[in-house]
Every structure is written in structure tokens, then in C-alpha cells.
Amino acid sequence: MADTTDGTLTSRVYGEDRSTRGQVTLALGRRPGADLPELRYLECATVPAVLKGLGRGGIDLCI
């Protein structure tokens, strides 16, 4: 799990279509549950970008 000392979880949202990624982030919102920290979204449209980002670490949720 990524470092959440600032109270934020990092989510990688993958999808080729920008509007689909936007719908996912809109549906989840900044705080999907009262008992969860805020989510920070990192969007990407290609598999290489997903793999590169995951390889760096710091991702709590990948969609």
C-alpha cells in the first residue's frame, strides 16, 4: 500500500476513452466512503502507462 500519511489514497484509472475514465472518477467521487480517506486519481489511456506507473509504486487502487 502507498504511503497515506497525508490522508489520501492514490488510484490509477485506466481506459482508452477519456469520457469513460471521467465517468469512473465521477462515480467514485473524492471520498467514496465516510471511513475512507480522499482519493487522488491518476488517469492513463495505454497499457504501457499503466505498467510504468504501477512499477513506480504508490498506487492503492487500480481500476
C-alpha atoms as a PDB file:
ATOM      1  CA  MET A   1       0.000   0.000   0.000  1.00  0.00           C
ATOM      2  CA  ALA A   2       1.170   3.511  -0.730  1.00  0.00           C
ATOM      3  CA  ASP A   3       2.106   5.983   1.974  1.00  0.00           C
ATOM      4  CA  THR A   4      -1.117   7.658   3.124  1.00  0.00           C
ATOM      5  CA  THR A   5       0.336   9.977   5.755  1.00  0.00           C
ATOM      6  CA  ASP A   6      -1.370  12.905   4.052  1.00  0.00           C
ATOM      7  CA  GLY A   7      -4.718  11.080   4.285  1.00  0.00           C
ATOM      8  CA  THR A   8      -5.055  10.465   0.556  1.00  0.00           C
ATOM      9  CA  LEU A   9      -5.232   7.195  -1.379  1.00  0.00           C
ATOM     10  CA  THR A  10      -3.930   7.094  -4.941  1.00  0.00           C
ATOM     11  CA  SER A  11      -5.988   5.403  -7.635  1.00  0.00           C
ATOM     12  CA  ARG A  12      -4.791   4.604 -11.162  1.00  0.00           C
ATOM     13  CA  VAL A  13      -7.739   4.690 -13.603  1.00  0.00           C
ATOM     14  CA  TYR A  14      -7.062   3.020 -16.957  1.00  0.00           C
ATOM     15  CA  GLY A  15      -9.241   3.303 -20.029  1.00  0.00           C
ATOM     16  CA  GLU A  16      -8.707   4.195 -23.663  1.00  0.00           C
ATOM     17  CA  ASP A  17     -11.712   6.519 -23.650  1.00  0.00           C
ATOM     18  CA  ARG A  18     -11.290   9.745 -21.681  1.00  0.00           C
ATOM     19  CA  SER A  19     -15.017  10.051 -21.014  1.00  0.00           C
ATOM     20  CA  THR A  20     -15.120   6.532 -19.533  1.00  0.00           C
ATOM     21  CA  ARG A  21     -12.280   7.399 -17.165  1.00  0.00           C
ATOM     22  CA  GLY A  22     -14.146  10.565 -16.242  1.00  0.00           C
ATOM     23  CA  GLN A  23     -17.315   8.611 -15.517  1.00  0.00           C
ATOM     24  CA  VAL A  24     -15.398   6.250 -13.222  1.00  0.00           C
ATOM     25  CA  THR A  25     -13.845   9.083 -11.234  1.00  0.00           C
ATOM     26  CA  LEU A  26     -17.165  10.922 -11.073  1.00  0.00           C
ATOM     27  CA  ALA A  27     -18.971   7.795  -9.845  1.00  0.00           C
ATOM     28  CA  LEU A  28     -16.435   7.177  -7.080  1.00  0.00           C
ATOM     29  CA  GLY A  29     -16.039  10.816  -6.106  1.00  0.00           C
ATOM     30  CA  ARG A  30     -13.341  12.296  -3.927  1.00  0.00           C
ATOM     31  CA  ARG A  31     -14.329  10.219  -0.898  1.00  0.00           C
ATOM     32  CA  PRO A  32     -16.248   7.034  -1.743  1.00  0.00           C
ATOM     33  CA  GLY A  33     -16.922   6.162   1.898  1.00  0.00           C
ATOM     34  CA  ALA A  34     -17.120   8.043   5.187  1.00  0.00           C
ATOM     35  CA  ASP A  35     -14.491   5.740   6.678  1.00  0.00           C
ATOM     36  CA  LEU A  36     -12.076   6.125   3.749  1.00  0.00           C
ATOM     37  CA  PRO A  37      -9.536   8.848   3.007  1.00  0.00           C
ATOM     38  CA  GLU A  38      -9.866  11.010  -0.092  1.00  0.00           C
ATOM     39  CA  LEU A  39      -8.921   9.523  -3.457  1.00  0.00           C
ATOM     40  CA  ARG A  40      -6.429  11.095  -5.818  1.00  0.00           C
ATOM     41  CA  TYR A  41      -6.867   9.913  -9.404  1.00  0.00           C
ATOM     42  CA  LEU A  42      -4.120   9.274 -11.914  1.00  0.00           C
ATOM     43  CA  GLU A  43      -5.645   8.579 -15.315  1.00  0.00           C
ATOM     44  CA  CYS A  44      -3.931   6.795 -18.164  1.00  0.00           C
ATOM     45  CA  ALA A  45      -5.029   5.611 -21.599  1.00  0.00           C
ATOM     46  CA  THR A  46      -2.430   2.986 -22.529  1.00  0.00           C
ATOM     47  CA  VAL A  47      -1.245  -0.304 -21.047  1.00  0.00           C
ATOM     48  CA  PRO A  48       2.424   0.803 -21.080  1.00  0.00           C
ATOM     49  CA  ALA A  49       1.462   3.852 -18.999  1.00  0.00           C
ATOM     50  CA  VAL A  50      -0.367   1.613 -16.510  1.00  0.00           C
ATOM     51  CA  LEU A  51       2.592  -0.738 -16.171  1.00  0.00           C
ATOM     52  CA  LYS A  52       5.095   2.087 -15.863  1.00  0.00           C
ATOM     53  CA  GLY A  53       3.024   3.765 -13.170  1.00  0.00           C
ATOM     54  CA  LEU A  54       2.488   0.543 -11.245  1.00  0.00           C
ATOM     55  CA  GLY A  55       6.180  -0.227 -11.455  1.00  0.00           C
ATOM     56  CA  ARG A  56       6.942   3.005  -9.606  1.00  0.00           C
ATOM     57  CA  GLY A  57       4.667   2.022  -6.750  1.00  0.00           C
ATOM     58  CA  GLY A  58       2.495   4.304  -4.670  1.00  0.00           C
ATOM     59  CA  ILE A  59      -0.817   3.055  -6.090  1.00  0.00           C
ATOM     60  CA  ASP A  60      -3.506   1.949  -3.630  1.00  0.00           C
ATOM     61  CA  LEU A  61      -6.226   1.098  -6.147  1.00  0.00           C
ATOM     62  CA  CYS A  62      -6.070   0.260  -9.845  1.00  0.00           C
ATOM     63  CA  ILE A  63      -9.207   0.327 -11.983  1.00  0.00           C
END
